[in-house]
Amino acid sequence: MAVSLQKGQKVDLTKTNPGLVQIHVGLGWDTNKYDGGQGFDLDASVFLLNDAGKVLDDQHFIFFNNATSPDGSVVHSGDNRTGEGEGDDEVINIDLSKVAAGVQKISFAITIYDAQARNQNFGQVSNAYARVVNPANNEELLRYDLGEDFSIETAIVVGELYRNGGEWKFSAIGSGYKDGLAGLARDFGVNIG
């Protein structure tokens, strides 16, 4: 049975699941009724961070246009431009055994594409979540439902995997940014110029 997390909670991932190497991180969301005439395009992004909380280099920012990390440990499943349908909208596949030694954290974010121009924000998004699944048996190991705590934000750091000794843990972050992907990139040291 999956562990259900609240904002700020941390949970052991590999210690409580011995032998776990492959995981899927599924991110999902729904949009509320919106009559602005433009569809919502939410995007999952991943930042592979050093112990200072910065990407090792720009290739360690994983998204639909840079789908695989340099070490092959993180693979983005592709862009879902509508969020339609049931289940995960975007999936990140991770092989924990391949994560480069310099990566201490793997941070997961959801951003709204072109949010400012489209006058969109997370106040118009509902049912956002992150979940970690063991692909060997499709078991959901943990789930973090973000709730409806956002209004003007255009990006959310959902959660992060981080090293703790020889183990991996997951932390439910739920931190919003009102300056979207540009704000995330700046804070994580990515050059998006």
C-alpha atoms as a PDB file:
ATOM      1  CA  MET A   1       0.000   0.000   0.000  1.00  0.00           C
ATOM      2  CA  ALA A   2       1.295   3.431  -0.929  1.00  0.00           C
ATOM      3  CA  VAL A   3       2.467   5.907   1.660  1.00  0.00           C
ATOM      4  CA  SER A   4       0.428   9.110   1.377  1.00  0.00           C
ATOM      5  CA  LEU A   5       2.573  12.166   2.085  1.00  0.00           C
ATOM      6  CA  GLN A   6       1.741  15.640   3.323  1.00  0.00           C
ATOM      7  CA  LYS A   7       3.764  18.752   2.465  1.00  0.00           C
ATOM      8  CA  GLY A   8       7.109  18.674   4.274  1.00  0.00           C
ATOM      9  CA  GLN A   9       7.104  14.935   4.982  1.00  0.00           C
ATOM     10  CA  LYS A  10      10.069  12.749   4.113  1.00  0.00           C
ATOM     11  CA  VAL A  11      10.066   9.001   3.623  1.00  0.00           C
ATOM     12  CA  ASP A  12      12.695   6.318   3.029  1.00  0.00           C
ATOM     13  CA  LEU A  13      12.381   4.899  -0.445  1.00  0.00           C
ATOM     14  CA  THR A  14      15.159   2.354  -0.931  1.00  0.00           C
ATOM     15  CA  LYS A  15      15.567   1.368   2.735  1.00  0.00           C
ATOM     16  CA  THR A  16      11.923   0.281   3.002  1.00  0.00           C
ATOM     17  CA  ASN A  17      12.040  -1.307  -0.477  1.00  0.00           C
ATOM     18  CA  PRO A  18      15.298  -3.329  -0.549  1.00  0.00           C
ATOM     19  CA  GLY A  19      16.652  -3.933  -4.038  1.00  0.00           C
ATOM     20  CA  LEU A  20      14.633  -1.101  -5.561  1.00  0.00           C
ATOM     21  CA  VAL A  21      16.612   0.350  -8.465  1.00  0.00           C
ATOM     22  CA  GLN A  22      14.116   1.265 -11.183  1.00  0.00           C
ATOM     23  CA  ILE A  23      11.333   3.729 -10.370  1.00  0.00           C
ATOM     24  CA  HIS A  24       8.765   5.744 -12.263  1.00  0.00           C
ATOM     25  CA  VAL A  25       7.772   9.156 -10.974  1.00  0.00           C
ATOM     26  CA  GLY A  26       4.321   9.962 -12.304  1.00  0.00           C
ATOM     27  CA  LEU A  27       3.038  13.526 -12.297  1.00  0.00           C
ATOM     28  CA  GLY A  28      -0.588  14.333 -12.933  1.00  0.00           C
ATOM     29  CA  TRP A  29      -3.061  17.211 -12.871  1.00  0.00           C
ATOM     30  CA  ASP A  30      -6.430  18.434 -14.063  1.00  0.00           C
ATOM     31  CA  THR A  31      -7.406  21.927 -15.134  1.00  0.00           C
ATOM     32  CA  ASN A  32     -10.487  23.663 -13.834  1.00  0.00           C
ATOM     33  CA  LYS A  33     -13.029  25.100 -16.236  1.00  0.00           C
ATOM     34  CA  TYR A  34     -11.305  27.975 -17.954  1.00  0.00           C
ATOM     35  CA  ASP A  35     -12.827  30.183 -20.615  1.00  0.00           C
ATOM     36  CA  GLY A  36      -9.739  32.113 -21.677  1.00  0.00           C
ATOM     37  CA  GLY A  37      -9.777  30.434 -25.059  1.00  0.00           C
ATOM     38  CA  GLN A  38      -6.378  28.762 -24.730  1.00  0.00           C
ATOM     39  CA  GLY A  39      -5.641  25.281 -23.495  1.00  0.00           C
ATOM     40  CA  PHE A  40      -3.390  24.512 -20.564  1.00  0.00           C
ATOM     41  CA  ASP A  41      -0.044  22.858 -21.268  1.00  0.00           C
ATOM     42  CA  LEU A  42       1.606  21.755 -18.049  1.00  0.00           C
ATOM     43  CA  ASP A  43       5.118  20.344 -18.190  1.00  0.00           C
ATOM     44  CA  ALA A  44       7.119  18.125 -15.876  1.00  0.00           C
ATOM     45  CA  SER A  45      10.771  19.044 -15.417  1.00  0.00           C
ATOM     46  CA  VAL A  46      13.587  17.397 -13.479  1.00  0.00           C
ATOM     47  CA  PHE A  47      16.702  19.010 -12.041  1.00  0.00           C
ATOM     48  CA  LEU A  48      19.680  16.808 -11.082  1.00  0.00           C
ATOM     49  CA  LEU A  49      21.384  18.788  -8.333  1.00  0.00           C
ATOM     50  CA  ASN A  50      24.707  18.764  -6.487  1.00  0.00           C
ATOM     51  CA  ASP A  51      25.003  19.253  -2.724  1.00  0.00           C
ATOM     52  CA  ALA A  52      24.784  23.042  -3.229  1.00  0.00           C
ATOM     53  CA  GLY A  53      21.360  22.652  -4.863  1.00  0.00           C
ATOM     54  CA  LYS A  54      22.554  23.554  -8.385  1.00  0.00           C
ATOM     55  CA  VAL A  55      22.512  21.504 -11.593  1.00  0.00           C
ATOM     56  CA  LEU A  56      25.858  19.947 -12.494  1.00  0.00           C
ATOM     57  CA  ASP A  57      25.461  21.653 -15.901  1.00  0.00           C
ATOM     58  CA  ASP A  58      22.590  22.556 -18.228  1.00  0.00           C
ATOM     59  CA  GLN A  59      22.357  18.950 -19.504  1.00  0.00           C
ATOM     60  CA  HIS A  60      21.192  17.976 -15.996  1.00  0.00           C
ATOM     61  CA  PHE A  61      17.932  19.875 -16.542  1.00  0.00           C
ATOM     62  CA  ILE A  62      15.571  17.233 -17.956  1.00  0.00           C
ATOM     63  CA  PHE A  63      12.375  18.210 -19.797  1.00  0.00           C
ATOM     64  CA  PHE A  64      10.578  17.429 -23.070  1.00  0.00           C
ATOM     65  CA  ASN A  65      13.387  18.970 -25.201  1.00  0.00           C
ATOM     66  CA  ASN A  66      16.210  17.302 -23.230  1.00  0.00           C
ATOM     67  CA  ALA A  67      14.626  13.988 -22.322  1.00  0.00           C
ATOM     68  CA  THR A  68      17.627  12.013 -21.001  1.00  0.00           C
ATOM     69  CA  SER A  69      20.282  12.863 -18.418  1.00  0.00           C
ATOM     70  CA  PRO A  70      23.955  12.558 -19.471  1.00  0.00           C
ATOM     71  CA  ASP A  71      24.395   9.389 -17.380  1.00  0.00           C
ATOM     72  CA  GLY A  72      21.164   7.848 -18.726  1.00  0.00           C
ATOM     73  CA  SER A  73      19.693   7.572 -15.233  1.00  0.00           C
ATOM     74  CA  VAL A  74      16.706   9.893 -15.827  1.00  0.00           C
ATOM     75  CA  VAL A  75      14.433   9.691 -18.873  1.00  0.00           C
ATOM     76  CA  HIS A  76      11.423  11.951 -19.467  1.00  0.00           C
ATOM     77  CA  SER A  77       8.521  10.120 -21.153  1.00  0.00           C
ATOM     78  CA  GLY A  78       7.530  13.085 -23.326  1.00  0.00           C
ATOM     79  CA  ASP A  79       5.244  16.089 -23.342  1.00  0.00           C
ATOM     80  CA  ASN A  80       1.521  15.663 -22.690  1.00  0.00           C
ATOM     81  CA  ARG A  81       0.074  18.932 -23.963  1.00  0.00           C
ATOM     82  CA  THR A  82      -3.480  18.531 -22.687  1.00  0.00           C
ATOM     83  CA  GLY A  83      -3.477  16.567 -19.424  1.00  0.00           C
ATOM     84  CA  GLU A  84      -6.535  14.723 -20.745  1.00  0.00           C
ATOM     85  CA  GLY A  85      -7.448  11.256 -19.550  1.00  0.00           C
ATOM     86  CA  GLU A  86      -6.879   9.226 -16.437  1.00  0.00           C
ATOM     87  CA  GLY A  87      -3.599   8.416 -14.761  1.00  0.00           C
ATOM     88  CA  ASP A  88      -0.199  10.068 -14.962  1.00  0.00           C
ATOM     89  CA  ASP A  89       0.111  12.944 -17.412  1.00  0.00           C
ATOM     90  CA  GLU A  90       3.907  12.769 -17.632  1.00  0.00           C
ATOM     91  CA  VAL A  91       6.286  10.103 -16.322  1.00  0.00           C
ATOM     92  CA  ILE A  92       9.947  10.284 -15.378  1.00  0.00           C
ATOM     93  CA  ASN A  93      11.806   6.948 -15.471  1.00  0.00           C
ATOM     94  CA  ILE A  94      14.754   6.700 -13.100  1.00  0.00           C
ATOM     95  CA  ASP A  95      17.465   4.081 -12.661  1.00  0.00           C
ATOM     96  CA  LEU A  96      18.881   4.871  -9.218  1.00  0.00           C
ATOM     97  CA  SER A  97      21.939   2.683  -9.851  1.00  0.00           C
ATOM     98  CA  LYS A  98      23.029   4.933 -12.755  1.00  0.00           C
ATOM     99  CA  VAL A  99      22.663   8.337 -11.030  1.00  0.00           C
ATOM    100  CA  ALA A 100      26.051  10.087 -11.172  1.00  0.00           C
ATOM    101  CA  ALA A 101      27.893  10.311  -7.853  1.00  0.00           C
ATOM    102  CA  GLY A 102      27.835  14.130  -7.977  1.00  0.00           C
ATOM    103  CA  VAL A 103      24.022  14.193  -8.000  1.00  0.00           C
ATOM    104  CA  GLN A 104      22.705  14.514  -4.448  1.00  0.00           C
ATOM    105  CA  LYS A 105      19.110  15.496  -5.230  1.00  0.00           C
ATOM    106  CA  ILE A 106      16.662  14.927  -8.063  1.00  0.00           C
ATOM    107  CA  SER A 107      14.026  17.657  -7.953  1.00  0.00           C
ATOM    108  CA  PHE A 108      10.656  17.362  -9.744  1.00  0.00           C
ATOM    109  CA  ALA A 109       8.674  20.380 -10.916  1.00  0.00           C
ATOM    110  CA  ILE A 110       5.491  21.123 -12.824  1.00  0.00           C
ATOM    111  CA  THR A 111       5.292  24.355 -14.804  1.00  0.00           C
ATOM    112  CA  ILE A 112       2.610  25.985 -16.930  1.00  0.00           C
ATOM    113  CA  TYR A 113       3.859  26.590 -20.460  1.00  0.00           C
ATOM    114  CA  ASP A 114       3.508  30.224 -21.578  1.00  0.00           C
ATOM    115  CA  ALA A 115       1.566  30.986 -18.374  1.00  0.00           C
ATOM    116  CA  GLN A 116       2.086  34.735 -18.404  1.00  0.00           C
ATOM    117  CA  ALA A 117       0.989  35.230 -22.020  1.00  0.00           C
ATOM    118  CA  ARG A 118      -2.026  32.958 -21.489  1.00  0.00           C
ATOM    119  CA  ASN A 119      -2.877  34.518 -18.097  1.00  0.00           C
ATOM    120  CA  GLN A 120      -2.813  31.092 -16.402  1.00  0.00           C
ATOM    121  CA  ASN A 121      -1.710  29.943 -12.942  1.00  0.00           C
ATOM    122  CA  PHE A 122      -1.988  27.013 -10.534  1.00  0.00           C
ATOM    123  CA  GLY A 123      -5.144  28.496  -9.016  1.00  0.00           C
ATOM    124  CA  GLN A 124      -6.777  27.084 -12.168  1.00  0.00           C
ATOM    125  CA  VAL A 125      -5.271  23.606 -11.694  1.00  0.00           C
ATOM    126  CA  SER A 126      -6.664  20.853  -9.488  1.00  0.00           C
ATOM    127  CA  ASN A 127      -5.807  17.305  -8.466  1.00  0.00           C
ATOM    128  CA  ALA A 128      -2.049  17.794  -8.983  1.00  0.00           C
ATOM    129  CA  TYR A 129       0.049  14.953  -7.608  1.00  0.00           C
ATOM    130  CA  ALA A 130       3.333  13.111  -7.727  1.00  0.00           C
ATOM    131  CA  ARG A 131       3.681   9.402  -7.151  1.00  0.00           C
ATOM    132  CA  VAL A 132       6.534   6.936  -7.127  1.00  0.00           C
ATOM    133  CA  VAL A 133       5.865   3.531  -8.696  1.00  0.00           C
ATOM    134  CA  ASN A 134       7.908   0.338  -8.759  1.00  0.00           C
ATOM    135  CA  PRO A 135       7.727  -0.630 -12.477  1.00  0.00           C
ATOM    136  CA  ALA A 136       8.616  -4.250 -11.717  1.00  0.00           C
ATOM    137  CA  ASN A 137       5.145  -4.846 -10.242  1.00  0.00           C
ATOM    138  CA  ASN A 138       3.340  -1.510 -10.869  1.00  0.00           C
ATOM    139  CA  GLU A 139       3.061  -0.970  -7.117  1.00  0.00           C
ATOM    140  CA  GLU A 140       2.538   2.647  -6.077  1.00  0.00           C
ATOM    141  CA  LEU A 141       5.095   3.180  -3.303  1.00  0.00           C
ATOM    142  CA  LEU A 142       4.208   6.721  -2.341  1.00  0.00           C
ATOM    143  CA  ARG A 143       1.896   9.512  -3.361  1.00  0.00           C
ATOM    144  CA  TYR A 144       1.815  13.235  -2.673  1.00  0.00           C
ATOM    145  CA  ASP A 145      -1.396  15.100  -3.498  1.00  0.00           C
ATOM    146  CA  LEU A 146      -0.673  18.815  -3.664  1.00  0.00           C
ATOM    147  CA  GLY A 147      -4.125  20.057  -2.706  1.00  0.00           C
ATOM    148  CA  GLU A 148      -5.536  23.438  -3.691  1.00  0.00           C
ATOM    149  CA  ASP A 149      -3.039  25.691  -1.906  1.00  0.00           C
ATOM    150  CA  PHE A 150      -1.916  27.654  -4.946  1.00  0.00           C
ATOM    151  CA  SER A 151      -3.224  30.791  -6.642  1.00  0.00           C
ATOM    152  CA  ILE A 152      -0.811  32.999  -8.634  1.00  0.00           C
ATOM    153  CA  GLU A 153       2.007  30.440  -8.986  1.00  0.00           C
ATOM    154  CA  THR A 154       3.059  29.273 -12.446  1.00  0.00           C
ATOM    155  CA  ALA A 155       5.546  26.603 -11.309  1.00  0.00           C
ATOM    156  CA  ILE A 156       5.648  24.151  -8.411  1.00  0.00           C
ATOM    157  CA  VAL A 157       8.527  22.105  -7.057  1.00  0.00           C
ATOM    158  CA  VAL A 158       6.528  19.008  -6.219  1.00  0.00           C
ATOM    159  CA  GLY A 159       9.140  16.908  -4.460  1.00  0.00           C
ATOM    160  CA  GLU A 160      12.631  15.540  -4.553  1.00  0.00           C
ATOM    161  CA  LEU A 161      14.591  12.352  -4.245  1.00  0.00           C
ATOM    162  CA  TYR A 162      17.737  12.804  -2.209  1.00  0.00           C
ATOM    163  CA  ARG A 163      20.644  10.716  -1.035  1.00  0.00           C
ATOM    164  CA  ASN A 164      20.938   9.937   2.653  1.00  0.00           C
ATOM    165  CA  GLY A 165      23.989   7.793   3.248  1.00  0.00           C
ATOM    166  CA  GLY A 166      23.666   4.898   0.828  1.00  0.00           C
ATOM    167  CA  GLU A 167      19.883   5.210   0.580  1.00  0.00           C
ATOM    168  CA  TRP A 168      17.404   7.348  -1.360  1.00  0.00           C
ATOM    169  CA  LYS A 169      14.593   9.243   0.347  1.00  0.00           C
ATOM    170  CA  PHE A 170      11.675  11.251  -1.025  1.00  0.00           C
ATOM    171  CA  SER A 171      10.618  14.640   0.309  1.00  0.00           C
ATOM    172  CA  ALA A 172       7.221  16.233  -0.414  1.00  0.00           C
ATOM    173  CA  ILE A 173       8.076  19.892  -1.142  1.00  0.00           C
ATOM    174  CA  GLY A 174       4.997  21.614  -2.630  1.00  0.00           C
ATOM    175  CA  SER A 175       6.746  24.971  -3.099  1.00  0.00           C
ATOM    176  CA  GLY A 176       5.250  27.414  -5.617  1.00  0.00           C
ATOM    177  CA  TYR A 177       6.959  29.979  -7.845  1.00  0.00           C
ATOM    178  CA  LYS A 178       5.153  32.928  -9.415  1.00  0.00           C
ATOM    179  CA  ASP A 179       7.869  33.461 -12.039  1.00  0.00           C
ATOM    180  CA  GLY A 180       7.520  30.029 -13.642  1.00  0.00           C
ATOM    181  CA  LEU A 181      10.252  27.991 -15.261  1.00  0.00           C
ATOM    182  CA  ALA A 182      12.580  31.006 -15.430  1.00  0.00           C
ATOM    183  CA  GLY A 183      12.501  31.287 -11.631  1.00  0.00           C
ATOM    184  CA  LEU A 184      13.161  27.590 -11.155  1.00  0.00           C
ATOM    185  CA  ALA A 185      15.998  27.617 -13.677  1.00  0.00           C
ATOM    186  CA  ARG A 186      17.581  30.640 -11.994  1.00  0.00           C
ATOM    187  CA  ASP A 187      17.393  29.081  -8.516  1.00  0.00           C
ATOM    188  CA  PHE A 188      18.764  25.731  -9.748  1.00  0.00           C
ATOM    189  CA  GLY A 189      21.595  27.290 -11.801  1.00  0.00           C
ATOM    190  CA  VAL A 190      20.332  26.522 -15.327  1.00  0.00           C
ATOM    191  CA  ASN A 191      21.147  28.936 -18.153  1.00  0.00           C
ATOM    192  CA  ILE A 192      17.968  29.279 -20.207  1.00  0.00           C
ATOM    193  CA  GLY A 193      18.913  32.578 -21.904  1.00  0.00           C
END
